Amino acid sequence: MFLIRFDWPPIPAWAIYAIQAAVLFAIAPFQIGRGSTHFWRRHEVSLVIVLMIVWTAMAALVPLVGIGISARPSMVPVMVTFVLAGALFERFRSKPAAS
């Protein structure tokens, strides 16, 4: 058997937090917005309202559970912006060309 071992240093904690924040607040909402145009065409604002309600409820309930994760209402505008950006991107991308 071939055994290959790489002695890389561990990833710094700040880099892991930055990657998690980018995925949670930018990449995932953007992809959700893109997917919403296929399943809920012209109802993206409803998705945003549901996101705002759920995230606000999480901000109130999660600290009571005692998990180290903290959901704050100030995070909602960032996520909503990326959801709508993804929806608009997919709408304009899938729009048929005018001839």
PDB file of N, CA and C in Angstrom:
ATOM      1  N   MET A   1       0.831  -1.183   0.000  1.00  0.00           N
ATOM      2  CA  MET A   1       0.000   0.000   0.000  1.00  0.00           C
ATOM      3  C   MET A   1       0.872   1.241   0.000  1.00  0.00           C
ATOM      4  N   PHE A   2       0.360   2.239  -0.659  1.00  0.00           N
ATOM      5  CA  PHE A   2       1.043   3.532  -0.652  1.00  0.00           C
ATOM      6  C   PHE A   2       0.456   4.393   0.446  1.00  0.00           C
ATOM      7  N   LEU A   3       1.295   4.919   1.234  1.00  0.00           N
ATOM      8  CA  LEU A   3       0.859   5.819   2.289  1.00  0.00           C
ATOM      9  C   LEU A   3       1.446   7.189   2.034  1.00  0.00           C
ATOM     10  N   ILE A   4       0.584   8.141   1.855  1.00  0.00           N
ATOM     11  CA  ILE A   4       1.030   9.513   1.633  1.00  0.00           C
ATOM     12  C   ILE A   4       0.527  10.347   2.801  1.00  0.00           C
ATOM     13  N   ARG A   5       1.403  11.091   3.369  1.00  0.00           N
ATOM     14  CA  ARG A   5       1.015  11.923   4.502  1.00  0.00           C
ATOM     15  C   ARG A   5       1.497  13.347   4.253  1.00  0.00           C
ATOM     16  N   PHE A   6       0.578  14.288   4.447  1.00  0.00           N
ATOM     17  CA  PHE A   6       0.914  15.699   4.325  1.00  0.00           C
ATOM     18  C   PHE A   6       0.860  16.324   5.714  1.00  0.00           C
ATOM     19  N   ASP A   7       1.908  16.965   6.094  1.00  0.00           N
ATOM     20  CA  ASP A   7       1.950  17.633   7.394  1.00  0.00           C
ATOM     21  C   ASP A   7       1.637  19.112   7.215  1.00  0.00           C
ATOM     22  N   TRP A   8       0.356  19.393   6.999  1.00  0.00           N
ATOM     23  CA  TRP A   8      -0.081  20.764   6.845  1.00  0.00           C
ATOM     24  C   TRP A   8      -0.488  21.319   8.195  1.00  0.00           C
ATOM     25  N   PRO A   9      -0.264  22.597   8.383  1.00  0.00           N
ATOM     26  CA  PRO A   9      -0.724  23.186   9.647  1.00  0.00           C
ATOM     27  C   PRO A   9      -2.253  23.274   9.646  1.00  0.00           C
ATOM     28  N   PRO A  10      -2.870  23.296  10.802  1.00  0.00           N
ATOM     29  CA  PRO A  10      -4.340  23.401  10.844  1.00  0.00           C
ATOM     30  C   PRO A  10      -4.803  24.753  10.297  1.00  0.00           C
ATOM     31  N   ILE A  11      -6.003  24.746   9.773  1.00  0.00           N
ATOM     32  CA  ILE A  11      -6.579  25.980   9.240  1.00  0.00           C
ATOM     33  C   ILE A  11      -6.873  26.906  10.413  1.00  0.00           C
ATOM     34  N   PRO A  12      -6.489  28.188  10.307  1.00  0.00           N
ATOM     35  CA  PRO A  12      -6.757  29.112  11.414  1.00  0.00           C
ATOM     36  C   PRO A  12      -8.261  29.279  11.654  1.00  0.00           C
ATOM     37  N   ALA A  13      -8.614  29.534  12.895  1.00  0.00           N
ATOM     38  CA  ALA A  13     -10.030  29.673  13.268  1.00  0.00           C
ATOM     39  C   ALA A  13     -10.693  30.828  12.532  1.00  0.00           C
ATOM     40  N   TRP A  14      -9.964  31.939  12.325  1.00  0.00           N
ATOM     41  CA  TRP A  14     -10.570  33.086  11.640  1.00  0.00           C
ATOM     42  C   TRP A  14     -10.928  32.730  10.202  1.00  0.00           C
ATOM     43  N   ALA A  15     -10.137  31.868   9.556  1.00  0.00           N
ATOM     44  CA  ALA A  15     -10.429  31.472   8.177  1.00  0.00           C
ATOM     45  C   ALA A  15     -11.677  30.592   8.119  1.00  0.00           C
ATOM     46  N   ILE A  16     -11.809  29.708   9.099  1.00  0.00           N
ATOM     47  CA  ILE A  16     -12.993  28.850   9.140  1.00  0.00           C
ATOM     48  C   ILE A  16     -14.244  29.692   9.359  1.00  0.00           C
ATOM     49  N   TYR A  17     -14.173  30.662  10.269  1.00  0.00           N
ATOM     50  CA  TYR A  17     -15.323  31.544  10.506  1.00  0.00           C
ATOM     51  C   TYR A  17     -15.658  32.362   9.268  1.00  0.00           C
ATOM     52  N   ALA A  18     -14.647  32.823   8.545  1.00  0.00           N
ATOM     53  CA  ALA A  18     -14.894  33.604   7.326  1.00  0.00           C
ATOM     54  C   ALA A  18     -15.567  32.754   6.259  1.00  0.00           C
ATOM     55  N   ILE A  19     -15.130  31.518   6.118  1.00  0.00           N
ATOM     56  CA  ILE A  19     -15.747  30.622   5.132  1.00  0.00           C
ATOM     57  C   ILE A  19     -17.191  30.320   5.526  1.00  0.00           C
ATOM     58  N   GLN A  20     -17.422  30.051   6.796  1.00  0.00           N
ATOM     59  CA  GLN A  20     -18.788  29.780   7.252  1.00  0.00           C
ATOM     60  C   GLN A  20     -19.696  30.986   7.028  1.00  0.00           C
ATOM     61  N   ALA A  21     -19.204  32.162   7.312  1.00  0.00           N
ATOM     62  CA  ALA A  21     -20.015  33.371   7.126  1.00  0.00           C
ATOM     63  C   ALA A  21     -20.328  33.591   5.651  1.00  0.00           C
ATOM     64  N   ALA A  22     -19.340  33.376   4.788  1.00  0.00           N
ATOM     65  CA  ALA A  22     -19.566  33.551   3.351  1.00  0.00           C
ATOM     66  C   ALA A  22     -20.614  32.573   2.835  1.00  0.00           C
ATOM     67  N   VAL A  23     -20.551  31.344   3.291  1.00  0.00           N
ATOM     68  CA  VAL A  23     -21.529  30.346   2.848  1.00  0.00           C
ATOM     69  C   VAL A  23     -22.907  30.657   3.408  1.00  0.00           C
ATOM     70  N   LEU A  24     -22.985  30.974   4.696  1.00  0.00           N
ATOM     71  CA  LEU A  24     -24.280  31.191   5.335  1.00  0.00           C
ATOM     72  C   LEU A  24     -24.972  32.464   4.866  1.00  0.00           C
ATOM     73  N   PHE A  25     -24.216  33.532   4.672  1.00  0.00           N
ATOM     74  CA  PHE A  25     -24.844  34.821   4.372  1.00  0.00           C
ATOM     75  C   PHE A  25     -24.793  35.235   2.911  1.00  0.00           C
ATOM     76  N   ALA A  26     -24.011  34.569   2.082  1.00  0.00           N
ATOM     77  CA  ALA A  26     -23.916  34.982   0.685  1.00  0.00           C
ATOM     78  C   ALA A  26     -24.224  33.847  -0.283  1.00  0.00           C
ATOM     79  N   ILE A  27     -23.467  32.775  -0.225  1.00  0.00           N
ATOM     80  CA  ILE A  27     -23.585  31.722  -1.235  1.00  0.00           C
ATOM     81  C   ILE A  27     -24.915  30.973  -1.116  1.00  0.00           C
ATOM     82  N   ALA A  28     -25.254  30.521   0.083  1.00  0.00           N
ATOM     83  CA  ALA A  28     -26.509  29.773   0.256  1.00  0.00           C
ATOM     84  C   ALA A  28     -27.745  30.622  -0.072  1.00  0.00           C
ATOM     85  N   PRO A  29     -27.865  31.862   0.440  1.00  0.00           N
ATOM     86  CA  PRO A  29     -29.038  32.659   0.054  1.00  0.00           C
ATOM     87  C   PRO A  29     -29.103  32.960  -1.444  1.00  0.00           C
ATOM     88  N   PHE A  30     -27.954  33.175  -2.072  1.00  0.00           N
ATOM     89  CA  PHE A  30     -27.938  33.426  -3.513  1.00  0.00           C
ATOM     90  C   PHE A  30     -28.475  32.211  -4.271  1.00  0.00           C
ATOM     91  N   GLN A  31     -28.039  31.015  -3.878  1.00  0.00           N
ATOM     92  CA  GLN A  31     -28.514  29.798  -4.534  1.00  0.00           C
ATOM     93  C   GLN A  31     -29.992  29.539  -4.240  1.00  0.00           C
ATOM     94  N   ILE A  32     -30.440  29.874  -3.042  1.00  0.00           N
ATOM     95  CA  ILE A  32     -31.863  29.745  -2.723  1.00  0.00           C
ATOM     96  C   ILE A  32     -32.681  30.681  -3.596  1.00  0.00           C
ATOM     97  N   GLY A  33     -32.199  31.889  -3.789  1.00  0.00           N
ATOM     98  CA  GLY A  33     -32.889  32.831  -4.673  1.00  0.00           C
ATOM     99  C   GLY A  33     -32.938  32.335  -6.103  1.00  0.00           C
ATOM    100  N   ARG A  34     -31.844  31.748  -6.567  1.00  0.00           N
ATOM    101  CA  ARG A  34     -31.829  31.192  -7.925  1.00  0.00           C
ATOM    102  C   ARG A  34     -32.819  30.048  -8.054  1.00  0.00           C
ATOM    103  N   GLY A  35     -32.851  29.169  -7.050  1.00  0.00           N
ATOM    104  CA  GLY A  35     -33.771  28.036  -7.102  1.00  0.00           C
ATOM    105  C   GLY A  35     -35.223  28.452  -6.987  1.00  0.00           C
ATOM    106  N   SER A  36     -35.475  29.542  -6.284  1.00  0.00           N
ATOM    107  CA  SER A  36     -36.862  29.988  -6.108  1.00  0.00           C
ATOM    108  C   SER A  36     -37.484  30.430  -7.421  1.00  0.00           C
ATOM    109  N   THR A  37     -36.699  30.854  -8.378  1.00  0.00           N
ATOM    110  CA  THR A  37     -37.275  31.285  -9.658  1.00  0.00           C
ATOM    111  C   THR A  37     -37.810  30.107 -10.452  1.00  0.00           C
ATOM    112  N   HIS A  38     -37.297  28.907 -10.193  1.00  0.00           N
ATOM    113  CA  HIS A  38     -37.802  27.734 -10.907  1.00  0.00           C
ATOM    114  C   HIS A  38     -39.062  27.175 -10.264  1.00  0.00           C
ATOM    115  N   PHE A  39     -39.136  27.231  -8.934  1.00  0.00           N
ATOM    116  CA  PHE A  39     -40.256  26.616  -8.236  1.00  0.00           C
ATOM    117  C   PHE A  39     -41.352  27.609  -7.878  1.00  0.00           C
ATOM    118  N   TRP A  40     -40.968  28.852  -7.589  1.00  0.00           N
ATOM    119  CA  TRP A  40     -41.946  29.850  -7.156  1.00  0.00           C
ATOM    120  C   TRP A  40     -41.806  31.105  -8.014  1.00  0.00           C
ATOM    121  N   ARG A  41     -41.898  30.955  -9.293  1.00  0.00           N
ATOM    122  CA  ARG A  41     -41.757  32.092 -10.194  1.00  0.00           C
ATOM    123  C   ARG A  41     -42.724  33.200  -9.795  1.00  0.00           C
ATOM    124  N   ARG A  42     -42.253  34.413  -9.694  1.00  0.00           N
ATOM    125  CA  ARG A  42     -43.002  35.615  -9.313  1.00  0.00           C
ATOM    126  C   ARG A  42     -43.480  35.576  -7.872  1.00  0.00           C
ATOM    127  N   HIS A  43     -42.903  34.717  -7.033  1.00  0.00           N
ATOM    128  CA  HIS A  43     -43.254  34.664  -5.607  1.00  0.00           C
ATOM    129  C   HIS A  43     -42.008  34.750  -4.732  1.00  0.00           C
ATOM    130  N   GLU A  44     -40.961  35.374  -5.247  1.00  0.00           N
ATOM    131  CA  GLU A  44     -39.714  35.453  -4.489  1.00  0.00           C
ATOM    132  C   GLU A  44     -39.863  36.320  -3.242  1.00  0.00           C
ATOM    133  N   VAL A  45     -40.732  37.316  -3.310  1.00  0.00           N
ATOM    134  CA  VAL A  45     -40.933  38.179  -2.150  1.00  0.00           C
ATOM    135  C   VAL A  45     -41.574  37.385  -1.011  1.00  0.00           C
ATOM    136  N   SER A  46     -42.429  36.423  -1.344  1.00  0.00           N
ATOM    137  CA  SER A  46     -42.998  35.558  -0.308  1.00  0.00           C
ATOM    138  C   SER A  46     -41.894  34.772   0.387  1.00  0.00           C
ATOM    139  N   LEU A  47     -40.936  34.287  -0.363  1.00  0.00           N
ATOM    140  CA  LEU A  47     -39.798  33.574   0.218  1.00  0.00           C
ATOM    141  C   LEU A  47     -39.013  34.486   1.156  1.00  0.00           C
ATOM    142  N   VAL A  48     -38.825  35.722   0.766  1.00  0.00           N
ATOM    143  CA  VAL A  48     -38.097  36.678   1.601  1.00  0.00           C
ATOM    144  C   VAL A  48     -38.858  36.942   2.898  1.00  0.00           C
ATOM    145  N   ILE A  49     -40.177  37.077   2.823  1.00  0.00           N
ATOM    146  CA  ILE A  49     -40.977  37.316   4.031  1.00  0.00           C
ATOM    147  C   ILE A  49     -40.884  36.115   4.973  1.00  0.00           C
ATOM    148  N   VAL A  50     -40.961  34.910   4.423  1.00  0.00           N
ATOM    149  CA  VAL A  50     -40.823  33.712   5.257  1.00  0.00           C
ATOM    150  C   VAL A  50     -39.441  33.675   5.890  1.00  0.00           C
ATOM    151  N   LEU A  51     -38.409  34.002   5.128  1.00  0.00           N
ATOM    152  CA  LEU A  51     -37.052  34.039   5.668  1.00  0.00           C
ATOM    153  C   LEU A  51     -36.945  35.033   6.814  1.00  0.00           C
ATOM    154  N   MET A  52     -37.551  36.196   6.663  1.00  0.00           N
ATOM    155  CA  MET A  52     -37.499  37.205   7.721  1.00  0.00           C
ATOM    156  C   MET A  52     -38.223  36.729   8.983  1.00  0.00           C
ATOM    157  N   ILE A  53     -39.359  36.080   8.818  1.00  0.00           N
ATOM    158  CA  ILE A  53     -40.110  35.595   9.984  1.00  0.00           C
ATOM    159  C   ILE A  53     -39.350  34.478  10.686  1.00  0.00           C
ATOM    160  N   VAL A  54     -38.849  33.524   9.917  1.00  0.00           N
ATOM    161  CA  VAL A  54     -38.141  32.387  10.515  1.00  0.00           C
ATOM    162  C   VAL A  54     -36.865  32.853  11.204  1.00  0.00           C
ATOM    163  N   TRP A  55     -36.101  33.735  10.556  1.00  0.00           N
ATOM    164  CA  TRP A  55     -34.846  34.178  11.152  1.00  0.00           C
ATOM    165  C   TRP A  55     -35.082  34.991  12.426  1.00  0.00           C
ATOM    166  N   THR A  56     -36.133  35.788  12.442  1.00  0.00           N
ATOM    167  CA  THR A  56     -36.460  36.542  13.651  1.00  0.00           C
ATOM    168  C   THR A  56     -36.857  35.600  14.786  1.00  0.00           C
ATOM    169  N   ALA A  57     -37.615  34.557  14.460  1.00  0.00           N
ATOM    170  CA  ALA A  57     -37.974  33.567  15.476  1.00  0.00           C
ATOM    171  C   ALA A  57     -36.732  32.843  15.980  1.00  0.00           C
ATOM    172  N   MET A  58     -35.815  32.534  15.076  1.00  0.00           N
ATOM    173  CA  MET A  58     -34.568  31.884  15.496  1.00  0.00           C
ATOM    174  C   MET A  58     -33.758  32.797  16.409  1.00  0.00           C
ATOM    175  N   ALA A  59     -33.766  34.094  16.121  1.00  0.00           N
ATOM    176  CA  ALA A  59     -33.020  35.039  16.960  1.00  0.00           C
ATOM    177  C   ALA A  59     -33.575  35.053  18.373  1.00  0.00           C
ATOM    178  N   ALA A  60     -34.872  34.802  18.517  1.00  0.00           N
ATOM    179  CA  ALA A  60     -35.477  34.801  19.848  1.00  0.00           C
ATOM    180  C   ALA A  60     -35.335  33.452  20.541  1.00  0.00           C
ATOM    181  N   LEU A  61     -35.414  32.357  19.792  1.00  0.00           N
ATOM    182  CA  LEU A  61     -35.470  31.035  20.408  1.00  0.00           C
ATOM    183  C   LEU A  61     -34.121  30.354  20.585  1.00  0.00           C
ATOM    184  N   VAL A  62     -33.197  30.534  19.659  1.00  0.00           N
ATOM    185  CA  VAL A  62     -31.925  29.807  19.719  1.00  0.00           C
ATOM    186  C   VAL A  62     -31.125  30.121  20.983  1.00  0.00           C
ATOM    187  N   PRO A  63     -31.025  31.375  21.434  1.00  0.00           N
ATOM    188  CA  PRO A  63     -30.287  31.603  22.677  1.00  0.00           C
ATOM    189  C   PRO A  63     -30.912  30.906  23.890  1.00  0.00           C
ATOM    190  N   LEU A  64     -32.203  30.657  23.845  1.00  0.00           N
ATOM    191  CA  LEU A  64     -32.860  29.981  24.957  1.00  0.00           C
ATOM    192  C   LEU A  64     -32.499  28.497  25.021  1.00  0.00           C
ATOM    193  N   VAL A  65     -32.134  27.922  23.883  1.00  0.00           N
ATOM    194  CA  VAL A  65     -31.802  26.501  23.831  1.00  0.00           C
ATOM    195  C   VAL A  65     -30.424  26.252  24.438  1.00  0.00           C
ATOM    196  N   GLY A  66     -29.557  27.224  24.362  1.00  0.00           N
ATOM    197  CA  GLY A  66     -28.230  27.082  24.952  1.00  0.00           C
ATOM    198  C   GLY A  66     -27.163  26.632  23.974  1.00  0.00           C
ATOM    199  N   ILE A  67     -27.466  26.658  22.688  1.00  0.00           N
ATOM    200  CA  ILE A  67     -26.470  26.311  21.674  1.00  0.00           C
ATOM    201  C   ILE A  67     -25.589  27.534  21.454  1.00  0.00           C
ATOM    202  N   GLY A  68     -24.351  27.316  21.118  1.00  0.00           N
ATOM    203  CA  GLY A  68     -23.417  28.423  20.951  1.00  0.00           C
ATOM    204  C   GLY A  68     -23.660  29.292  19.736  1.00  0.00           C
ATOM    205  N   ILE A  69     -24.589  28.913  18.883  1.00  0.00           N
ATOM    206  CA  ILE A  69     -24.858  29.669  17.658  1.00  0.00           C
ATOM    207  C   ILE A  69     -25.785  30.831  18.004  1.00  0.00           C
ATOM    208  N   SER A  70     -25.540  31.966  17.410  1.00  0.00           N
ATOM    209  CA  SER A  70     -26.357  33.134  17.690  1.00  0.00           C
ATOM    210  C   SER A  70     -26.934  33.688  16.392  1.00  0.00           C
ATOM    211  N   ALA A  71     -28.237  33.704  16.274  1.00  0.00           N
ATOM    212  CA  ALA A  71     -28.905  34.290  15.116  1.00  0.00           C
ATOM    213  C   ALA A  71     -29.355  35.687  15.508  1.00  0.00           C
ATOM    214  N   ARG A  72     -28.937  36.665  14.761  1.00  0.00           N
ATOM    215  CA  ARG A  72     -29.294  38.050  15.093  1.00  0.00           C
ATOM    216  C   ARG A  72     -30.188  38.634  13.998  1.00  0.00           C
ATOM    217  N   PRO A  73     -31.145  39.478  14.384  1.00  0.00           N
ATOM    218  CA  PRO A  73     -31.999  40.112  13.374  1.00  0.00           C
ATOM    219  C   PRO A  73     -31.219  40.999  12.407  1.00  0.00           C
ATOM    220  N   SER A  74     -30.060  41.484  12.811  1.00  0.00           N
ATOM    221  CA  SER A  74     -29.271  42.333  11.911  1.00  0.00           C
ATOM    222  C   SER A  74     -28.700  41.553  10.736  1.00  0.00           C
ATOM    223  N   MET A  75     -28.744  40.232  10.773  1.00  0.00           N
ATOM    224  CA  MET A  75     -28.245  39.411   9.668  1.00  0.00           C
ATOM    225  C   MET A  75     -29.261  39.291   8.533  1.00  0.00           C
ATOM    226  N   VAL A  76     -30.516  39.576   8.820  1.00  0.00           N
ATOM    227  CA  VAL A  76     -31.582  39.390   7.836  1.00  0.00           C
ATOM    228  C   VAL A  76     -31.383  40.234   6.575  1.00  0.00           C
ATOM    229  N   PRO A  77     -31.077  41.531   6.664  1.00  0.00           N
ATOM    230  CA  PRO A  77     -30.941  42.309   5.421  1.00  0.00           C
ATOM    231  C   PRO A  77     -29.863  41.776   4.487  1.00  0.00           C
ATOM    232  N   VAL A  78     -28.791  41.254   5.038  1.00  0.00           N
ATOM    233  CA  VAL A  78     -27.728  40.708   4.185  1.00  0.00           C
ATOM    234  C   VAL A  78     -28.235  39.480   3.439  1.00  0.00           C
ATOM    235  N   MET A  79     -28.896  38.578   4.163  1.00  0.00           N
ATOM    236  CA  MET A  79     -29.387  37.360   3.524  1.00  0.00           C
ATOM    237  C   MET A  79     -30.495  37.670   2.522  1.00  0.00           C
ATOM    238  N   VAL A  80     -31.380  38.600   2.866  1.00  0.00           N
ATOM    239  CA  VAL A  80     -32.471  38.970   1.956  1.00  0.00           C
ATOM    240  C   VAL A  80     -31.906  39.567   0.673  1.00  0.00           C
ATOM    241  N   THR A  81     -30.881  40.372   0.799  1.00  0.00           N
ATOM    242  CA  THR A  81     -30.260  40.970  -0.387  1.00  0.00           C
ATOM    243  C   THR A  81     -29.727  39.893  -1.321  1.00  0.00           C
ATOM    244  N   PHE A  82     -29.072  38.884  -0.778  1.00  0.00           N
ATOM    245  CA  PHE A  82     -28.525  37.836  -1.627  1.00  0.00           C
ATOM    246  C   PHE A  82     -29.610  36.925  -2.190  1.00  0.00           C
ATOM    247  N   VAL A  83     -30.707  36.693  -1.453  1.00  0.00           N
ATOM    248  CA  VAL A  83     -31.814  35.908  -1.999  1.00  0.00           C
ATOM    249  C   VAL A  83     -32.412  36.628  -3.196  1.00  0.00           C
ATOM    250  N   LEU A  84     -32.671  37.913  -3.037  1.00  0.00           N
ATOM    251  CA  LEU A  84     -33.244  38.683  -4.155  1.00  0.00           C
ATOM    252  C   LEU A  84     -32.268  38.824  -5.314  1.00  0.00           C
ATOM    253  N   ALA A  85     -30.976  38.957  -5.010  1.00  0.00           N
ATOM    254  CA  ALA A  85     -29.969  39.032  -6.081  1.00  0.00           C
ATOM    255  C   ALA A  85     -29.931  37.731  -6.870  1.00  0.00           C
ATOM    256  N   GLY A  86     -30.012  36.606  -6.181  1.00  0.00           N
ATOM    257  CA  GLY A  86     -30.036  35.319  -6.879  1.00  0.00           C
ATOM    258  C   GLY A  86     -31.273  35.162  -7.736  1.00  0.00           C
ATOM    259  N   ALA A  87     -32.423  35.602  -7.217  1.00  0.00           N
ATOM    260  CA  ALA A  87     -33.667  35.521  -7.986  1.00  0.00           C
ATOM    261  C   ALA A  87     -33.602  36.411  -9.222  1.00  0.00           C
ATOM    262  N   LEU A  88     -33.107  37.624  -9.051  1.00  0.00           N
ATOM    263  CA  LEU A  88     -32.991  38.523 -10.208  1.00  0.00           C
ATOM    264  C   LEU A  88     -31.985  38.009 -11.225  1.00  0.00           C
ATOM    265  N   PHE A  89     -30.883  37.483 -10.735  1.00  0.00           N
ATOM    266  CA  PHE A  89     -29.868  36.925 -11.635  1.00  0.00           C
ATOM    267  C   PHE A  89     -30.464  35.815 -12.497  1.00  0.00           C
ATOM    268  N   GLU A  90     -31.194  34.917 -11.871  1.00  0.00           N
ATOM    269  CA  GLU A  90     -31.762  33.788 -12.609  1.00  0.00           C
ATOM    270  C   GLU A  90     -32.876  34.241 -13.537  1.00  0.00           C
ATOM    271  N   ARG A  91     -33.645  35.234 -13.127  1.00  0.00           N
ATOM    272  CA  ARG A  91     -34.694  35.749 -14.010  1.00  0.00           C
ATOM    273  C   ARG A  91     -34.112  36.362 -15.269  1.00  0.00           C
ATOM    274  N   PHE A  92     -33.104  37.198 -15.108  1.00  0.00           N
ATOM    275  CA  PHE A  92     -32.510  37.845 -16.275  1.00  0.00           C
ATOM    276  C   PHE A  92     -31.724  36.860 -17.120  1.00  0.00           C
ATOM    277  N   ARG A  93     -31.177  35.842 -16.494  1.00  0.00           N
ATOM    278  CA  ARG A  93     -30.408  34.845 -17.240  1.00  0.00           C
ATOM    279  C   ARG A  93     -31.326  33.962 -18.067  1.00  0.00           C
ATOM    280  N   SER A  94     -32.506  33.623 -17.517  1.00  0.00           N
ATOM    281  CA  SER A  94     -33.424  32.716 -18.214  1.00  0.00           C
ATOM    282  C   SER A  94     -34.426  33.448 -19.098  1.00  0.00           C
ATOM    283  N   LYS A  95     -34.337  34.773 -19.125  1.00  0.00           N
ATOM    284  CA  LYS A  95     -35.269  35.545 -19.948  1.00  0.00           C
ATOM    285  C   LYS A  95     -34.949  35.310 -21.426  1.00  0.00           C
ATOM    286  N   PRO A  96     -35.965  35.015 -22.226  1.00  0.00           N
ATOM    287  CA  PRO A  96     -35.700  34.806 -23.656  1.00  0.00           C
ATOM    288  C   PRO A  96     -35.257  36.105 -24.325  1.00  0.00           C
ATOM    289  N   ALA A  97     -34.363  35.964 -25.258  1.00  0.00           N
ATOM    290  CA  ALA A  97     -33.822  37.143 -25.959  1.00  0.00           C
ATOM    291  C   ALA A  97     -34.906  37.740 -26.855  1.00  0.00           C
ATOM    292  N   ALA A  98     -35.020  39.054 -26.813  1.00  0.00           N
ATOM    293  CA  ALA A  98     -35.991  39.754 -27.649  1.00  0.00           C
ATOM    294  C   ALA A  98     -35.455  39.813 -29.069  1.00  0.00           C
ATOM    295  N   SER A  99     -36.295  39.444 -30.024  1.00  0.00           N
ATOM    296  CA  SER A  99     -35.823  39.492 -31.408  1.00  0.00           C
ATOM    297  C   SER A  99     -36.486  40.567 -32.205  1.00  0.00           C
TER     298      SER A  99
END
